[in-house]
């Protein structure tokens, strides 16, 4: 279920329950106390605020993670675009080696940079 839809359903349930309690209290005369009504409305308001405020941070975190992931992907694309065909072939060969020691792409790129700098 979409998080906004879940929030909306929760809000409707809270305020529908409050409305039912208010109508029942008016009919039976048990809901006459002003402070009790204020307490129930306050609790519904706090619950609604909590429901709608709780998901904002997680949405922001997800957006930040997606942005960071895209930056990493862009960096890898830039590095791969700089490699020549021979370097790409060597990279593929090194990545497909099955000697038990697999190197990460970052290690291979660093090694290539060291070679081009003459270290």
PDB file of N, CA and C in Angstrom:
ATOM      1  N   UNK A   1       0.842  -1.170   0.000  1.00  0.00           N
ATOM      2  CA  UNK A   1       0.000   0.000   0.000  1.00  0.00           C
ATOM      3  C   UNK A   1       0.892   1.240   0.000  1.00  0.00           C
ATOM      4  N   UNK A   2       0.539   2.215  -0.797  1.00  0.00           N
ATOM      5  CA  UNK A   2       1.266   3.476  -0.864  1.00  0.00           C
ATOM      6  C   UNK A   2       1.213   4.150   0.498  1.00  0.00           C
ATOM      7  N   UNK A   3       2.329   4.774   0.898  1.00  0.00           N
ATOM      8  CA  UNK A   3       2.392   5.363   2.236  1.00  0.00           C
ATOM      9  C   UNK A   3       1.386   6.503   2.409  1.00  0.00           C
ATOM     10  N   UNK A   4       1.171   7.318   1.372  1.00  0.00           N
ATOM     11  CA  UNK A   4       0.186   8.398   1.492  1.00  0.00           C
ATOM     12  C   UNK A   4      -1.227   7.841   1.588  1.00  0.00           C
ATOM     13  N   UNK A   5      -1.497   6.761   0.880  1.00  0.00           N
ATOM     14  CA  UNK A   5      -2.815   6.131   0.970  1.00  0.00           C
ATOM     15  C   UNK A   5      -3.021   5.552   2.360  1.00  0.00           C
ATOM     16  N   UNK A   6      -1.989   4.932   2.924  1.00  0.00           N
ATOM     17  CA  UNK A   6      -2.093   4.381   4.278  1.00  0.00           C
ATOM     18  C   UNK A   6      -2.319   5.502   5.288  1.00  0.00           C
ATOM     19  N   UNK A   7      -1.647   6.620   5.116  1.00  0.00           N
ATOM     20  CA  UNK A   7      -1.849   7.758   6.017  1.00  0.00           C
ATOM     21  C   UNK A   7      -3.274   8.287   5.915  1.00  0.00           C
ATOM     22  N   UNK A   8      -3.751   8.379   4.678  1.00  0.00           N
ATOM     23  CA  UNK A   8      -5.096   8.896   4.479  1.00  0.00           C
ATOM     24  C   UNK A   8      -6.131   7.966   5.110  1.00  0.00           C
ATOM     25  N   UNK A   9      -5.983   6.668   4.923  1.00  0.00           N
ATOM     26  CA  UNK A   9      -6.917   5.704   5.505  1.00  0.00           C
ATOM     27  C   UNK A   9      -6.868   5.788   7.031  1.00  0.00           C
ATOM     28  N   UNK A  10      -5.669   5.881   7.588  1.00  0.00           N
ATOM     29  CA  UNK A  10      -5.537   5.996   9.047  1.00  0.00           C
ATOM     30  C   UNK A  10      -6.201   7.259   9.567  1.00  0.00           C
ATOM     31  N   UNK A  11      -6.017   8.353   8.855  1.00  0.00           N
ATOM     32  CA  UNK A  11      -6.641   9.614   9.263  1.00  0.00           C
ATOM     33  C   UNK A  11      -8.157   9.513   9.227  1.00  0.00           C
ATOM     34  N   UNK A  12      -8.689   8.928   8.178  1.00  0.00           N
ATOM     35  CA  UNK A  12     -10.143   8.764   8.059  1.00  0.00           C
ATOM     36  C   UNK A  12     -10.663   7.878   9.188  1.00  0.00           C
ATOM     37  N   UNK A  13      -9.957   6.801   9.507  1.00  0.00           N
ATOM     38  CA  UNK A  13     -10.387   5.910  10.587  1.00  0.00           C
ATOM     39  C   UNK A  13     -10.404   6.655  11.923  1.00  0.00           C
ATOM     40  N   UNK A  14      -9.356   7.428  12.197  1.00  0.00           N
ATOM     41  CA  UNK A  14      -9.286   8.170  13.467  1.00  0.00           C
ATOM     42  C   UNK A  14     -10.446   9.152  13.586  1.00  0.00           C
ATOM     43  N   UNK A  15     -10.648   9.963  12.549  1.00  0.00           N
ATOM     44  CA  UNK A  15     -11.665  10.997  12.652  1.00  0.00           C
ATOM     45  C   UNK A  15     -13.079  10.441  12.524  1.00  0.00           C
ATOM     46  N   UNK A  16     -13.250   9.321  11.829  1.00  0.00           N
ATOM     47  CA  UNK A  16     -14.557   8.661  11.795  1.00  0.00           C
ATOM     48  C   UNK A  16     -14.877   8.105  13.181  1.00  0.00           C
ATOM     49  N   UNK A  17     -13.882   7.497  13.821  1.00  0.00           N
ATOM     50  CA  UNK A  17     -14.099   7.005  15.185  1.00  0.00           C
ATOM     51  C   UNK A  17     -14.448   8.130  16.135  1.00  0.00           C
ATOM     52  N   UNK A  18     -13.773   9.266  16.009  1.00  0.00           N
ATOM     53  CA  UNK A  18     -14.076  10.424  16.841  1.00  0.00           C
ATOM     54  C   UNK A  18     -15.501  10.907  16.609  1.00  0.00           C
ATOM     55  N   UNK A  19     -15.911  10.962  15.349  1.00  0.00           N
ATOM     56  CA  UNK A  19     -17.265  11.403  15.017  1.00  0.00           C
ATOM     57  C   UNK A  19     -18.302  10.457  15.598  1.00  0.00           C
ATOM     58  N   UNK A  20     -18.066   9.157  15.470  1.00  0.00           N
ATOM     59  CA  UNK A  20     -19.004   8.163  16.025  1.00  0.00           C
ATOM     60  C   UNK A  20     -19.092   8.310  17.540  1.00  0.00           C
ATOM     61  N   UNK A  21     -17.937   8.517  18.191  1.00  0.00           N
ATOM     62  CA  UNK A  21     -17.947   8.694  19.643  1.00  0.00           C
ATOM     63  C   UNK A  21     -18.713   9.960  20.036  1.00  0.00           C
ATOM     64  N   UNK A  22     -18.537  11.033  19.279  1.00  0.00           N
ATOM     65  CA  UNK A  22     -19.225  12.287  19.587  1.00  0.00           C
ATOM     66  C   UNK A  22     -20.732  12.147  19.412  1.00  0.00           C
ATOM     67  N   UNK A  23     -21.158  11.533  18.327  1.00  0.00           N
ATOM     68  CA  UNK A  23     -22.592  11.359  18.080  1.00  0.00           C
ATOM     69  C   UNK A  23     -23.204  10.454  19.148  1.00  0.00           C
ATOM     70  N   UNK A  24     -22.519   9.369  19.467  1.00  0.00           N
ATOM     71  CA  UNK A  24     -23.017   8.460  20.503  1.00  0.00           C
ATOM     72  C   UNK A  24     -23.102   9.179  21.851  1.00  0.00           C
ATOM     73  N   UNK A  25     -22.100   9.988  22.154  1.00  0.00           N
ATOM     74  CA  UNK A  25     -22.115  10.741  23.403  1.00  0.00           C
ATOM     75  C   UNK A  25     -23.233  11.757  23.470  1.00  0.00           C
ATOM     76  N   UNK A  26     -23.532  12.391  22.354  1.00  0.00           N
ATOM     77  CA  UNK A  26     -24.618  13.366  22.326  1.00  0.00           C
ATOM     78  C   UNK A  26     -25.971  12.698  22.498  1.00  0.00           C
ATOM     79  N   UNK A  27     -26.116  11.541  21.869  1.00  0.00           N
ATOM     80  CA  UNK A  27     -27.395  10.824  21.945  1.00  0.00           C
ATOM     81  C   UNK A  27     -27.641  10.309  23.362  1.00  0.00           C
ATOM     82  N   UNK A  28     -26.620   9.728  23.960  1.00  0.00           N
ATOM     83  CA  UNK A  28     -26.784   9.149  25.296  1.00  0.00           C
ATOM     84  C   UNK A  28     -26.596  10.182  26.399  1.00  0.00           C
ATOM     85  N   UNK A  29     -26.058  11.324  26.085  1.00  0.00           N
ATOM     86  CA  UNK A  29     -25.830  12.355  27.084  1.00  0.00           C
ATOM     87  C   UNK A  29     -24.568  12.133  27.895  1.00  0.00           C
ATOM     88  N   UNK A  30     -23.773  11.143  27.549  1.00  0.00           N
ATOM     89  CA  UNK A  30     -22.564  10.835  28.305  1.00  0.00           C
ATOM     90  C   UNK A  30     -21.379  11.694  27.870  1.00  0.00           C
ATOM     91  N   UNK A  31     -21.500  12.360  26.774  1.00  0.00           N
ATOM     92  CA  UNK A  31     -20.375  13.118  26.216  1.00  0.00           C
ATOM     93  C   UNK A  31     -20.532  14.613  26.511  1.00  0.00           C
ATOM     94  N   UNK A  32     -21.118  14.931  27.632  1.00  0.00           N
ATOM     95  CA  UNK A  32     -21.427  16.310  27.956  1.00  0.00           C
ATOM     96  C   UNK A  32     -20.214  17.060  28.488  1.00  0.00           C
ATOM     97  N   UNK A  33     -19.312  16.393  29.124  1.00  0.00           N
ATOM     98  CA  UNK A  33     -18.166  17.042  29.737  1.00  0.00           C
ATOM     99  C   UNK A  33     -17.263  17.669  28.672  1.00  0.00           C
ATOM    100  N   UNK A  34     -17.042  18.962  28.749  1.00  0.00           N
ATOM    101  CA  UNK A  34     -16.241  19.695  27.775  1.00  0.00           C
ATOM    102  C   UNK A  34     -14.793  19.212  27.761  1.00  0.00           C
ATOM    103  N   UNK A  35     -14.226  18.970  28.926  1.00  0.00           N
ATOM    104  CA  UNK A  35     -12.828  18.568  29.023  1.00  0.00           C
ATOM    105  C   UNK A  35     -12.597  17.189  28.416  1.00  0.00           C
ATOM    106  N   UNK A  36     -13.587  16.312  28.559  1.00  0.00           N
ATOM    107  CA  UNK A  36     -13.467  14.977  27.956  1.00  0.00           C
ATOM    108  C   UNK A  36     -13.476  15.100  26.425  1.00  0.00           C
ATOM    109  N   UNK A  37     -14.349  15.937  25.906  1.00  0.00           N
ATOM    110  CA  UNK A  37     -14.406  16.153  24.455  1.00  0.00           C
ATOM    111  C   UNK A  37     -13.098  16.764  23.959  1.00  0.00           C
ATOM    112  N   UNK A  38     -12.577  17.719  24.703  1.00  0.00           N
ATOM    113  CA  UNK A  38     -11.320  18.351  24.335  1.00  0.00           C
ATOM    114  C   UNK A  38     -10.173  17.337  24.332  1.00  0.00           C
ATOM    115  N   UNK A  39     -10.166  16.449  25.299  1.00  0.00           N
ATOM    116  CA  UNK A  39      -9.141  15.406  25.382  1.00  0.00           C
ATOM    117  C   UNK A  39      -9.204  14.471  24.178  1.00  0.00           C
ATOM    118  N   UNK A  40     -10.391  14.055  23.799  1.00  0.00           N
ATOM    119  CA  UNK A  40     -10.545  13.136  22.661  1.00  0.00           C
ATOM    120  C   UNK A  40     -10.144  13.818  21.356  1.00  0.00           C
ATOM    121  N   UNK A  41     -10.568  15.056  21.155  1.00  0.00           N
ATOM    122  CA  UNK A  41     -10.196  15.793  19.937  1.00  0.00           C
ATOM    123  C   UNK A  41      -8.688  16.031  19.921  1.00  0.00           C
ATOM    124  N   UNK A  42      -8.105  16.356  21.067  1.00  0.00           N
ATOM    125  CA  UNK A  42      -6.659  16.549  21.145  1.00  0.00           C
ATOM    126  C   UNK A  42      -5.899  15.277  20.808  1.00  0.00           C
ATOM    127  N   UNK A  43      -6.371  14.145  21.325  1.00  0.00           N
ATOM    128  CA  UNK A  43      -5.716  12.869  21.027  1.00  0.00           C
ATOM    129  C   UNK A  43      -5.800  12.540  19.539  1.00  0.00           C
ATOM    130  N   UNK A  44      -6.950  12.800  18.934  1.00  0.00           N
ATOM    131  CA  UNK A  44      -7.095  12.552  17.494  1.00  0.00           C
ATOM    132  C   UNK A  44      -6.180  13.472  16.695  1.00  0.00           C
ATOM    133  N   UNK A  45      -6.053  14.720  17.128  1.00  0.00           N
ATOM    134  CA  UNK A  45      -5.184  15.666  16.434  1.00  0.00           C
ATOM    135  C   UNK A  45      -3.715  15.253  16.543  1.00  0.00           C
ATOM    136  N   UNK A  46      -3.298  14.851  17.741  1.00  0.00           N
ATOM    137  CA  UNK A  46      -1.917  14.406  17.935  1.00  0.00           C
ATOM    138  C   UNK A  46      -1.641  13.155  17.104  1.00  0.00           C
ATOM    139  N   UNK A  47      -2.583  12.212  17.101  1.00  0.00           N
ATOM    140  CA  UNK A  47      -2.400  10.984  16.317  1.00  0.00           C
ATOM    141  C   UNK A  47      -2.286  11.300  14.827  1.00  0.00           C
ATOM    142  N   UNK A  48      -3.127  12.197  14.343  1.00  0.00           N
ATOM    143  CA  UNK A  48      -3.076  12.573  12.928  1.00  0.00           C
ATOM    144  C   UNK A  48      -1.753  13.258  12.593  1.00  0.00           C
ATOM    145  N   UNK A  49      -1.316  14.144  13.463  1.00  0.00           N
ATOM    146  CA  UNK A  49      -0.031  14.836  13.244  1.00  0.00           C
ATOM    147  C   UNK A  49       1.119  13.839  13.218  1.00  0.00           C
ATOM    148  N   UNK A  50       1.090  12.881  14.126  1.00  0.00           N
ATOM    149  CA  UNK A  50       2.144  11.865  14.170  1.00  0.00           C
ATOM    150  C   UNK A  50       2.139  11.008  12.901  1.00  0.00           C
ATOM    151  N   UNK A  51       0.970  10.606  12.458  1.00  0.00           N
ATOM    152  CA  UNK A  51       0.862   9.766  11.255  1.00  0.00           C
ATOM    153  C   UNK A  51       1.421  10.495  10.038  1.00  0.00           C
ATOM    154  N   UNK A  52       1.061  11.754   9.860  1.00  0.00           N
ATOM    155  CA  UNK A  52       1.500  12.483   8.679  1.00  0.00           C
ATOM    156  C   UNK A  52       2.930  12.973   8.795  1.00  0.00           C
ATOM    157  N   UNK A  53       3.442  13.134  10.005  1.00  0.00           N
ATOM    158  CA  UNK A  53       4.808  13.619  10.179  1.00  0.00           C
ATOM    159  C   UNK A  53       5.846  12.520  10.212  1.00  0.00           C
ATOM    160  N   UNK A  54       5.432  11.285  10.482  1.00  0.00           N
ATOM    161  CA  UNK A  54       6.402  10.205  10.657  1.00  0.00           C
ATOM    162  C   UNK A  54       7.061   9.756   9.367  1.00  0.00           C
ATOM    163  N   UNK A  55       6.411   9.848   8.245  1.00  0.00           N
ATOM    164  CA  UNK A  55       6.964   9.341   6.999  1.00  0.00           C
ATOM    165  C   UNK A  55       7.835  10.315   6.245  1.00  0.00           C
ATOM    166  N   UNK A  56       7.871  11.556   6.651  1.00  0.00           N
ATOM    167  CA  UNK A  56       8.622  12.559   5.897  1.00  0.00           C
ATOM    168  C   UNK A  56      10.116  12.303   5.930  1.00  0.00           C
ATOM    169  N   UNK A  57      10.638  11.960   7.068  1.00  0.00           N
ATOM    170  CA  UNK A  57      12.082  11.726   7.175  1.00  0.00           C
ATOM    171  C   UNK A  57      12.494  10.522   6.337  1.00  0.00           C
ATOM    172  N   UNK A  58      11.687   9.476   6.352  1.00  0.00           N
ATOM    173  CA  UNK A  58      12.066   8.297   5.583  1.00  0.00           C
ATOM    174  C   UNK A  58      12.006   8.573   4.085  1.00  0.00           C
ATOM    175  N   UNK A  59      11.073   9.379   3.634  1.00  0.00           N
ATOM    176  CA  UNK A  59      11.016   9.745   2.217  1.00  0.00           C
ATOM    177  C   UNK A  59      12.245  10.560   1.830  1.00  0.00           C
ATOM    178  N   UNK A  60      12.656  11.454   2.712  1.00  0.00           N
ATOM    179  CA  UNK A  60      13.848  12.255   2.443  1.00  0.00           C
ATOM    180  C   UNK A  60      15.088  11.372   2.407  1.00  0.00           C
ATOM    181  N   UNK A  61      15.157  10.395   3.317  1.00  0.00           N
ATOM    182  CA  UNK A  61      16.293   9.470   3.320  1.00  0.00           C
ATOM    183  C   UNK A  61      16.348   8.657   2.037  1.00  0.00           C
ATOM    184  N   UNK A  62      15.199   8.211   1.569  1.00  0.00           N
ATOM    185  CA  UNK A  62      15.145   7.427   0.331  1.00  0.00           C
ATOM    186  C   UNK A  62      15.595   8.280  -0.846  1.00  0.00           C
ATOM    187  N   UNK A  63      15.150   9.528  -0.891  1.00  0.00           N
ATOM    188  CA  UNK A  63      15.566  10.424  -1.973  1.00  0.00           C
ATOM    189  C   UNK A  63      17.072  10.667  -1.933  1.00  0.00           C
ATOM    190  N   UNK A  64      17.635  10.835  -0.733  1.00  0.00           N
ATOM    191  CA  UNK A  64      19.071  11.044  -0.589  1.00  0.00           C
ATOM    192  C   UNK A  64      19.847   9.812  -1.041  1.00  0.00           C
ATOM    193  N   UNK A  65      19.361   8.630  -0.673  1.00  0.00           N
ATOM    194  CA  UNK A  65      20.021   7.393  -1.090  1.00  0.00           C
ATOM    195  C   UNK A  65      19.985   7.238  -2.604  1.00  0.00           C
ATOM    196  N   UNK A  66      18.855   7.551  -3.210  1.00  0.00           N
ATOM    197  CA  UNK A  66      18.755   7.460  -4.669  1.00  0.00           C
ATOM    198  C   UNK A  66      19.701   8.442  -5.350  1.00  0.00           C
ATOM    199  N   UNK A  67      19.830   9.637  -4.806  1.00  0.00           N
ATOM    200  CA  UNK A  67      20.733  10.637  -5.363  1.00  0.00           C
ATOM    201  C   UNK A  67      22.180  10.172  -5.272  1.00  0.00           C
ATOM    202  N   UNK A  68      22.564   9.622  -4.109  1.00  0.00           N
ATOM    203  CA  UNK A  68      23.924   9.123  -3.944  1.00  0.00           C
ATOM    204  C   UNK A  68      24.202   7.951  -4.878  1.00  0.00           C
ATOM    205  N   UNK A  69      23.224   7.082  -5.043  1.00  0.00           N
ATOM    206  CA  UNK A  69      23.384   5.939  -5.936  1.00  0.00           C
ATOM    207  C   UNK A  69      23.583   6.424  -7.376  1.00  0.00           C
ATOM    208  N   UNK A  70      22.816   7.408  -7.780  1.00  0.00           N
ATOM    209  CA  UNK A  70      22.950   7.937  -9.140  1.00  0.00           C
ATOM    210  C   UNK A  70      24.321   8.579  -9.335  1.00  0.00           C
ATOM    211  N   UNK A  71      24.836   9.272  -8.313  1.00  0.00           N
ATOM    212  CA  UNK A  71      26.160   9.873  -8.418  1.00  0.00           C
ATOM    213  C   UNK A  71      27.228   8.796  -8.594  1.00  0.00           C
ATOM    214  N   UNK A  72      27.103   7.699  -7.834  1.00  0.00           N
ATOM    215  CA  UNK A  72      28.072   6.605  -7.967  1.00  0.00           C
ATOM    216  C   UNK A  72      28.000   5.997  -9.358  1.00  0.00           C
ATOM    217  N   UNK A  73      26.785   5.795  -9.854  1.00  0.00           N
ATOM    218  CA  UNK A  73      26.627   5.214 -11.186  1.00  0.00           C
ATOM    219  C   UNK A  73      27.219   6.142 -12.242  1.00  0.00           C
ATOM    220  N   UNK A  74      27.005   7.438 -12.089  1.00  0.00           N
ATOM    221  CA  UNK A  74      27.565   8.401 -13.034  1.00  0.00           C
ATOM    222  C   UNK A  74      29.088   8.356 -12.996  1.00  0.00           C
ATOM    223  N   UNK A  75      29.676   8.228 -11.817  1.00  0.00           N
ATOM    224  CA  UNK A  75      31.132   8.175 -11.684  1.00  0.00           C
ATOM    225  C   UNK A  75      31.671   6.928 -12.384  1.00  0.00           C
ATOM    226  N   UNK A  76      31.016   5.789 -12.185  1.00  0.00           N
ATOM    227  CA  UNK A  76      31.455   4.557 -12.837  1.00  0.00           C
ATOM    228  C   UNK A  76      31.349   4.697 -14.353  1.00  0.00           C
ATOM    229  N   UNK A  77      30.258   5.289 -14.827  1.00  0.00           N
ATOM    230  CA  UNK A  77      30.114   5.495 -16.271  1.00  0.00           C
ATOM    231  C   UNK A  77      31.217   6.386 -16.820  1.00  0.00           C
ATOM    232  N   UNK A  78      31.540   7.452 -16.102  1.00  0.00           N
ATOM    233  CA  UNK A  78      32.606   8.347 -16.571  1.00  0.00           C
ATOM    234  C   UNK A  78      33.938   7.622 -16.643  1.00  0.00           C
ATOM    235  N   UNK A  79      34.233   6.817 -15.621  1.00  0.00           N
ATOM    236  CA  UNK A  79      35.497   6.074 -15.610  1.00  0.00           C
ATOM    237  C   UNK A  79      35.522   5.075 -16.758  1.00  0.00           C
ATOM    238  N   UNK A  80      34.430   4.360 -16.949  1.00  0.00           N
ATOM    239  CA  UNK A  80      34.393   3.367 -18.029  1.00  0.00           C
ATOM    240  C   UNK A  80      34.468   4.027 -19.398  1.00  0.00           C
ATOM    241  N   UNK A  81      33.886   5.188 -19.551  1.00  0.00           N
ATOM    242  CA  UNK A  81      33.948   5.892 -20.832  1.00  0.00           C
ATOM    243  C   UNK A  81      35.356   6.378 -21.153  1.00  0.00           C
ATOM    244  N   UNK A  82      36.178   6.599 -20.139  1.00  0.00           N
ATOM    245  CA  UNK A  82      37.548   7.046 -20.348  1.00  0.00           C
ATOM    246  C   UNK A  82      38.472   5.908 -20.778  1.00  0.00           C
ATOM    247  N   UNK A  83      38.059   4.666 -20.513  1.00  0.00           N
ATOM    248  CA  UNK A  83      38.917   3.535 -20.838  1.00  0.00           C
ATOM    249  C   UNK A  83      38.900   3.246 -22.332  1.00  0.00           C
ATOM    250  N   UNK A  84      40.047   2.829 -22.843  1.00  0.00           N
ATOM    251  CA  UNK A  84      40.127   2.442 -24.255  1.00  0.00           C
ATOM    252  C   UNK A  84      39.544   1.036 -24.411  1.00  0.00           C
ATOM    253  N   UNK A  85      39.426   0.604 -25.669  1.00  0.00           N
ATOM    254  CA  UNK A  85      38.885  -0.735 -25.917  1.00  0.00           C
ATOM    255  C   UNK A  85      39.785  -1.811 -25.326  1.00  0.00           C
ATOM    256  N   UNK A  86      41.088  -1.613 -25.422  1.00  0.00           N
ATOM    257  CA  UNK A  86      42.026  -2.590 -24.858  1.00  0.00           C
ATOM    258  C   UNK A  86      41.911  -2.631 -23.334  1.00  0.00           C
ATOM    259  N   UNK A  87      41.758  -1.465 -22.719  1.00  0.00           N
ATOM    260  CA  UNK A  87      41.620  -1.417 -21.267  1.00  0.00           C
ATOM    261  C   UNK A  87      40.308  -2.042 -20.812  1.00  0.00           C
ATOM    262  N   UNK A  88      39.250  -1.829 -21.588  1.00  0.00           N
ATOM    263  CA  UNK A  88      37.976  -2.472 -21.264  1.00  0.00           C
ATOM    264  C   UNK A  88      38.068  -3.988 -21.387  1.00  0.00           C
ATOM    265  N   UNK A  89      38.762  -4.454 -22.428  1.00  0.00           N
ATOM    266  CA  UNK A  89      38.935  -5.895 -22.598  1.00  0.00           C
ATOM    267  C   UNK A  89      39.736  -6.477 -21.428  1.00  0.00           C
ATOM    268  N   UNK A  90      40.765  -5.748 -21.006  1.00  0.00           N
ATOM    269  CA  UNK A  90      41.556  -6.206 -19.860  1.00  0.00           C
ATOM    270  C   UNK A  90      40.714  -6.214 -18.588  1.00  0.00           C
ATOM    271  N   UNK A  91      39.891  -5.196 -18.439  1.00  0.00           N
ATOM    272  CA  UNK A  91      39.013  -5.128 -17.272  1.00  0.00           C
ATOM    273  C   UNK A  91      38.044  -6.306 -17.244  1.00  0.00           C
ATOM    274  N   UNK A  92      37.441  -6.593 -18.389  1.00  0.00           N
ATOM    275  CA  UNK A  92      36.519  -7.738 -18.464  1.00  0.00           C
ATOM    276  C   UNK A  92      37.244  -9.048 -18.147  1.00  0.00           C
ATOM    277  N   UNK A  93      38.432  -9.187 -18.681  1.00  0.00           N
ATOM    278  CA  UNK A  93      39.199 -10.408 -18.429  1.00  0.00           C
ATOM    279  C   UNK A  93      39.554 -10.535 -16.952  1.00  0.00           C
ATOM    280  N   UNK A  94      39.964  -9.446 -16.344  1.00  0.00           N
ATOM    281  CA  UNK A  94      40.342  -9.492 -14.933  1.00  0.00           C
ATOM    282  C   UNK A  94      39.141  -9.753 -14.041  1.00  0.00           C
ATOM    283  N   UNK A  95      37.995  -9.174 -14.400  1.00  0.00           N
ATOM    284  CA  UNK A  95      36.792  -9.395 -13.598  1.00  0.00           C
ATOM    285  C   UNK A  95      36.267 -10.817 -13.728  1.00  0.00           C
ATOM    286  N   UNK A  96      36.528 -11.441 -14.871  1.00  0.00           N
ATOM    287  CA  UNK A  96      36.010 -12.797 -15.069  1.00  0.00           C
ATOM    288  C   UNK A  96      36.981 -13.879 -14.622  1.00  0.00           C
ATOM    289  N   UNK A  97      38.131 -13.490 -14.101  1.00  0.00           N
ATOM    290  CA  UNK A  97      39.088 -14.486 -13.602  1.00  0.00           C
ATOM    291  C   UNK A  97      38.450 -15.286 -12.480  1.00  0.00           C
ATOM    292  N   UNK A  98      38.707 -16.570 -12.475  1.00  0.00           N
ATOM    293  CA  UNK A  98      38.112 -17.419 -11.444  1.00  0.00           C
ATOM    294  C   UNK A  98      39.190 -18.037 -10.563  1.00  0.00           C
ATOM    295  N   UNK A  99      40.220 -17.254 -10.245  1.00  0.00           N
ATOM    296  CA  UNK A  99      41.293 -17.781  -9.412  1.00  0.00           C
ATOM    297  C   UNK A  99      40.989 -17.617  -7.924  1.00  0.00           C
ATOM    298  N   UNK A 100      39.761 -17.226  -7.612  1.00  0.00           N
ATOM    299  CA  UNK A 100      39.381 -17.073  -6.227  1.00  0.00           C
ATOM    300  C   UNK A 100      39.625 -15.692  -5.676  1.00  0.00           C
ATOM    301  N   UNK A 101      40.443 -14.889  -6.344  1.00  0.00           N
ATOM    302  CA  UNK A 101      40.723 -13.536  -5.880  1.00  0.00           C
ATOM    303  C   UNK A 101      40.082 -12.560  -6.853  1.00  0.00           C
ATOM    304  N   UNK A 102      38.885 -12.152  -6.513  1.00  0.00           N
ATOM    305  CA  UNK A 102      38.185 -11.211  -7.367  1.00  0.00           C
ATOM    306  C   UNK A 102      38.459  -9.797  -6.880  1.00  0.00           C
ATOM    307  N   UNK A 103      38.816  -8.957  -7.799  1.00  0.00           N
ATOM    308  CA  UNK A 103      39.086  -7.569  -7.479  1.00  0.00           C
ATOM    309  C   UNK A 103      37.833  -6.745  -7.733  1.00  0.00           C
ATOM    310  N   UNK A 104      37.662  -5.718  -6.938  1.00  0.00           N
ATOM    311  CA  UNK A 104      36.536  -4.834  -7.178  1.00  0.00           C
ATOM    312  C   UNK A 104      36.881  -3.881  -8.306  1.00  0.00           C
ATOM    313  N   UNK A 105      35.861  -3.279  -8.868  1.00  0.00           N
ATOM    314  CA  UNK A 105      36.063  -2.328  -9.958  1.00  0.00           C
ATOM    315  C   UNK A 105      36.908  -1.150  -9.491  1.00  0.00           C
ATOM    316  N   UNK A 106      36.691  -0.715  -8.246  1.00  0.00           N
ATOM    317  CA  UNK A 106      37.461   0.407  -7.724  1.00  0.00           C
ATOM    318  C   UNK A 106      38.946   0.063  -7.657  1.00  0.00           C
ATOM    319  N   UNK A 107      39.268  -1.159  -7.224  1.00  0.00           N
ATOM    320  CA  UNK A 107      40.670  -1.571  -7.145  1.00  0.00           C
ATOM    321  C   UNK A 107      41.308  -1.596  -8.527  1.00  0.00           C
ATOM    322  N   UNK A 108      40.563  -2.080  -9.506  1.00  0.00           N
ATOM    323  CA  UNK A 108      41.087  -2.123 -10.866  1.00  0.00           C
ATOM    324  C   UNK A 108      41.295  -0.719 -11.425  1.00  0.00           C
ATOM    325  N   UNK A 109      40.364   0.179 -11.136  1.00  0.00           N
ATOM    326  CA  UNK A 109      40.486   1.555 -11.619  1.00  0.00           C
ATOM    327  C   UNK A 109      41.682   2.231 -10.957  1.00  0.00           C
ATOM    328  N   UNK A 110      41.855   2.018  -9.637  1.00  0.00           N
ATOM    329  CA  UNK A 110      43.005   2.601  -8.944  1.00  0.00           C
ATOM    330  C   UNK A 110      44.311   2.055  -9.509  1.00  0.00           C
ATOM    331  N   UNK A 111      44.343   0.764  -9.804  1.00  0.00           N
ATOM    332  CA  UNK A 111      45.549   0.163 -10.369  1.00  0.00           C
ATOM    333  C   UNK A 111      45.843   0.759 -11.738  1.00  0.00           C
ATOM    334  N   UNK A 112      44.809   0.967 -12.535  1.00  0.00           N
ATOM    335  CA  UNK A 112      44.977   1.562 -13.855  1.00  0.00           C
ATOM    336  C   UNK A 112      45.487   2.995 -13.736  1.00  0.00           C
ATOM    337  N   UNK A 113      44.946   3.744 -12.762  1.00  0.00           N
ATOM    338  CA  UNK A 113      45.403   5.112 -12.569  1.00  0.00           C
ATOM    339  C   UNK A 113      46.861   5.148 -12.129  1.00  0.00           C
ATOM    340  N   UNK A 114      47.268   4.194 -11.287  1.00  0.00           N
ATOM    341  CA  UNK A 114      48.666   4.135 -10.861  1.00  0.00           C
ATOM    342  C   UNK A 114      49.569   3.854 -12.049  1.00  0.00           C
ATOM    343  N   UNK A 115      49.122   2.974 -12.944  1.00  0.00           N
ATOM    344  CA  UNK A 115      49.924   2.657 -14.125  1.00  0.00           C
ATOM    345  C   UNK A 115      50.071   3.868 -15.034  1.00  0.00           C
ATOM    346  N   UNK A 116      48.985   4.613 -15.209  1.00  0.00           N
ATOM    347  CA  UNK A 116      49.051   5.767 -16.115  1.00  0.00           C
ATOM    348  C   UNK A 116      49.871   6.903 -15.516  1.00  0.00           C
ATOM    349  N   UNK A 117      49.948   6.986 -14.195  1.00  0.00           N
ATOM    350  CA  UNK A 117      50.758   8.009 -13.529  1.00  0.00           C
ATOM    351  C   UNK A 117      52.220   7.606 -13.433  1.00  0.00           C
ATOM    352  N   UNK A 118      52.484   6.331 -13.598  1.00  0.00           N
ATOM    353  CA  UNK A 118      53.854   5.859 -13.564  1.00  0.00           C
ATOM    354  C   UNK A 118      54.336   5.461 -12.178  1.00  0.00           C
ATOM    355  N   UNK A 119      53.455   5.135 -11.268  1.00  0.00           N
ATOM    356  CA  UNK A 119      53.866   4.727  -9.917  1.00  0.00           C
ATOM    357  C   UNK A 119      54.348   3.321  -9.900  1.00  0.00           C
TER     358      UNK A 119
END
